[in-house]
């Protein structure tokens, strides 16, 4: 994540606000504030758009947006626990005129790119390992066939 548009404060803010209980998640009320929104009803429309995208992508909504009771200004409010992908979807639907949105978008996009790059590298490494195993197997079979007198 060497992207120059991602600053250390954004990374620290986002990652420092993560909650853990077997998986990493962020509360929607916190994300609302981090993205520069003041009104939770307005922010819920952004979440609803993100949920719609999640459904269209075929990603399990219950794993990405888990309904909870949160607290806003000391009062209980219907909220969500969002995994990292849920935060990404919300940020992608948020108002790009807000500087906070652009910063978090840049960080989450860079994070997603780094994960995809790592997965691609892992797959390439595994393909190389399989090629070597296949080559070894073919050499073994050729040796056995030659010893048995099979001519090609």
Protein backbone atom coordinates (compact mmCIF):
# COMPACT_ATOMS: atom_id res chain seq x y z
CA UNK A 1 0.00 0.00 0.00
CA UNK A 2 2.56 2.51 -1.10
CA UNK A 3 -0.07 4.69 -2.77
CA UNK A 4 0.83 8.29 -1.95
CA UNK A 5 -2.84 9.22 -1.50
CA UNK A 6 -3.04 6.90 1.53
CA UNK A 7 -1.72 8.66 4.59
CA UNK A 8 -0.64 7.12 7.87
CA UNK A 9 -3.33 8.97 9.84
CA UNK A 10 -6.08 7.39 7.75
CA UNK A 11 -4.58 3.93 8.21
CA UNK A 12 -4.23 4.49 11.97
CA UNK A 13 -7.76 5.88 12.26
CA UNK A 14 -9.34 3.02 10.34
CA UNK A 15 -7.33 0.13 11.72
CA UNK A 16 -7.35 1.58 15.25
CA UNK A 17 -11.14 1.59 15.24
CA UNK A 18 -11.49 -2.07 14.33
CA UNK A 19 -13.22 -4.39 16.78
CA UNK A 20 -12.31 -8.07 17.19
CA UNK A 21 -14.41 -11.05 18.22
CA UNK A 22 -13.29 -13.86 15.97
CA UNK A 23 -13.42 -11.51 12.99
CA UNK A 24 -12.51 -7.88 12.41
CA UNK A 25 -15.38 -5.42 12.13
CA UNK A 26 -16.31 -1.75 12.40
CA UNK A 27 -19.54 -0.24 13.72
CA UNK A 28 -21.61 1.78 11.25
CA UNK A 29 -22.02 4.67 13.72
CA UNK A 30 -18.23 5.01 13.86
CA UNK A 31 -17.91 4.74 10.05
CA UNK A 32 -20.56 7.44 9.64
CA UNK A 33 -18.43 9.86 11.62
CA UNK A 34 -15.18 8.74 9.97
CA UNK A 35 -16.70 9.41 6.54
CA UNK A 36 -17.82 12.90 7.58
CA UNK A 37 -21.56 12.26 7.87
CA UNK A 38 -23.53 14.00 10.61
CA UNK A 39 -26.98 12.45 10.17
CA UNK A 40 -27.45 8.71 10.69
CA UNK A 41 -30.64 8.59 8.56
CA UNK A 42 -28.73 10.01 5.61
CA UNK A 43 -25.92 7.56 6.26
CA UNK A 44 -28.36 4.63 6.38
CA UNK A 45 -29.30 5.36 2.76
CA UNK A 46 -25.60 4.95 1.86
CA UNK A 47 -25.51 1.66 3.79
CA UNK A 48 -28.65 0.48 2.00
CA UNK A 49 -27.02 1.18 -1.39
CA UNK A 50 -23.95 -0.78 -0.25
CA UNK A 51 -26.16 -3.68 0.87
CA UNK A 52 -27.79 -3.65 -2.58
CA UNK A 53 -24.35 -3.90 -4.21
CA UNK A 54 -23.43 -6.72 -1.87
CA UNK A 55 -26.54 -8.63 -2.93
CA UNK A 56 -25.89 -8.01 -6.64
CA UNK A 57 -22.33 -9.33 -6.20
CA UNK A 58 -23.66 -12.49 -4.57
CA UNK A 59 -21.74 -11.84 -1.35
CA UNK A 60 -23.55 -13.01 1.81
CA UNK A 61 -25.12 -9.85 3.24
CA UNK A 62 -25.36 -11.31 6.77
CA UNK A 63 -21.57 -11.79 6.87
CA UNK A 64 -20.87 -8.31 5.54
CA UNK A 65 -23.56 -6.24 7.30
CA UNK A 66 -24.63 -7.70 10.64
CA UNK A 67 -27.49 -5.84 12.34
CA UNK A 68 -26.81 -4.71 15.91
CA UNK A 69 -28.04 -2.14 18.39
CA UNK A 70 -25.49 0.65 18.55
CA UNK A 71 -25.33 3.90 20.46
CA UNK A 72 -25.56 7.36 18.94
CA UNK A 73 -25.43 10.42 21.20
CA UNK A 74 -26.12 8.17 24.18
CA UNK A 75 -29.29 6.69 22.68
CA UNK A 76 -29.72 3.19 21.22
CA UNK A 77 -29.97 3.03 17.45
CA UNK A 78 -30.38 0.19 14.94
CA UNK A 79 -26.94 -0.10 13.43
CA UNK A 80 -24.61 -2.57 11.74
CA UNK A 81 -21.32 -4.33 12.27
CA UNK A 82 -19.46 -4.20 8.96
CA UNK A 83 -16.54 -6.31 7.88
CA UNK A 84 -13.78 -4.69 5.83
CA UNK A 85 -15.59 -5.42 2.56
CA UNK A 86 -18.75 -3.83 3.96
CA UNK A 87 -16.76 -0.70 4.85
CA UNK A 88 -15.34 -0.71 1.32
CA UNK A 89 -18.81 -0.92 -0.24
CA UNK A 90 -20.14 1.86 2.00
CA UNK A 91 -17.15 4.07 1.15
CA UNK A 92 -17.71 3.44 -2.56
CA UNK A 93 -21.31 4.66 -2.23
CA UNK A 94 -20.49 7.61 0.04
CA UNK A 95 -20.38 11.27 -1.04
CA UNK A 96 -17.10 11.84 -2.89
CA UNK A 97 -17.28 15.55 -2.13
CA UNK A 98 -16.27 14.69 1.45
CA UNK A 99 -12.50 14.64 1.98
CA UNK A 100 -12.88 11.91 4.63
CA UNK A 101 -14.60 9.67 2.08
CA UNK A 102 -11.77 10.09 -0.41
CA UNK A 103 -9.14 9.23 2.20
CA UNK A 104 -10.87 6.08 3.43
CA UNK A 105 -11.72 5.05 -0.14
CA UNK A 106 -8.07 5.39 -1.13
CA UNK A 107 -6.95 3.30 1.85
CA UNK A 108 -9.52 0.53 1.33
CA UNK A 109 -8.86 0.41 -2.41
CA UNK A 110 -5.09 0.14 -1.77
CA UNK A 111 -5.73 -2.56 0.84
CA UNK A 112 -7.95 -4.51 -1.60
CA UNK A 113 -5.30 -4.21 -4.32
CA UNK A 114 -2.60 -5.48 -1.95
CA UNK A 115 -4.75 -8.48 -0.96
CA UNK A 116 -5.51 -9.28 -4.60
CA UNK A 117 -1.83 -9.00 -5.50
CA UNK A 118 -0.86 -11.32 -2.65
CA UNK A 119 -3.49 -13.87 -3.72
CA UNK A 120 -2.28 -13.70 -7.31
CA UNK A 121 1.32 -14.24 -6.16
CA UNK A 122 0.23 -17.20 -4.01
CA UNK A 123 -1.63 -18.77 -6.94
CA UNK A 124 1.37 -18.26 -9.22
CA UNK A 125 3.66 -19.87 -6.66
CA UNK A 126 1.30 -22.85 -6.29
CA UNK A 127 1.08 -23.21 -10.09
CA UNK A 128 4.88 -23.37 -10.22
CA UNK A 129 4.90 -26.04 -7.51
CA UNK A 130 2.29 -28.09 -9.43
CA UNK A 131 4.27 -27.73 -12.66
CA UNK A 132 7.35 -29.13 -10.90
CA UNK A 133 5.33 -32.04 -9.49
CA UNK A 134 3.85 -32.72 -12.92
CA UNK A 135 7.29 -32.61 -14.53
CA UNK A 136 8.67 -35.01 -11.89
CA UNK A 137 5.70 -37.34 -12.42
CA UNK A 138 6.13 -37.30 -16.19
CA UNK A 139 9.84 -38.09 -15.84
CA UNK A 140 9.02 -40.98 -13.51
CA UNK A 141 6.39 -42.32 -15.92
CA UNK A 142 8.82 -41.98 -18.85
CA UNK A 143 11.44 -43.93 -16.93
CA UNK A 144 8.99 -46.68 -16.05
CA UNK A 145 7.74 -46.85 -19.64
CA UNK A 146 11.30 -46.99 -21.00
CA UNK A 147 12.23 -49.75 -18.53
CA UNK A 148 9.14 -51.70 -19.64
CA UNK A 149 10.21 -51.41 -23.25
CA UNK A 150 7.51 -48.99 -24.37
CA UNK A 151 8.65 -46.99 -27.39
CA UNK A 152 7.06 -43.74 -28.31
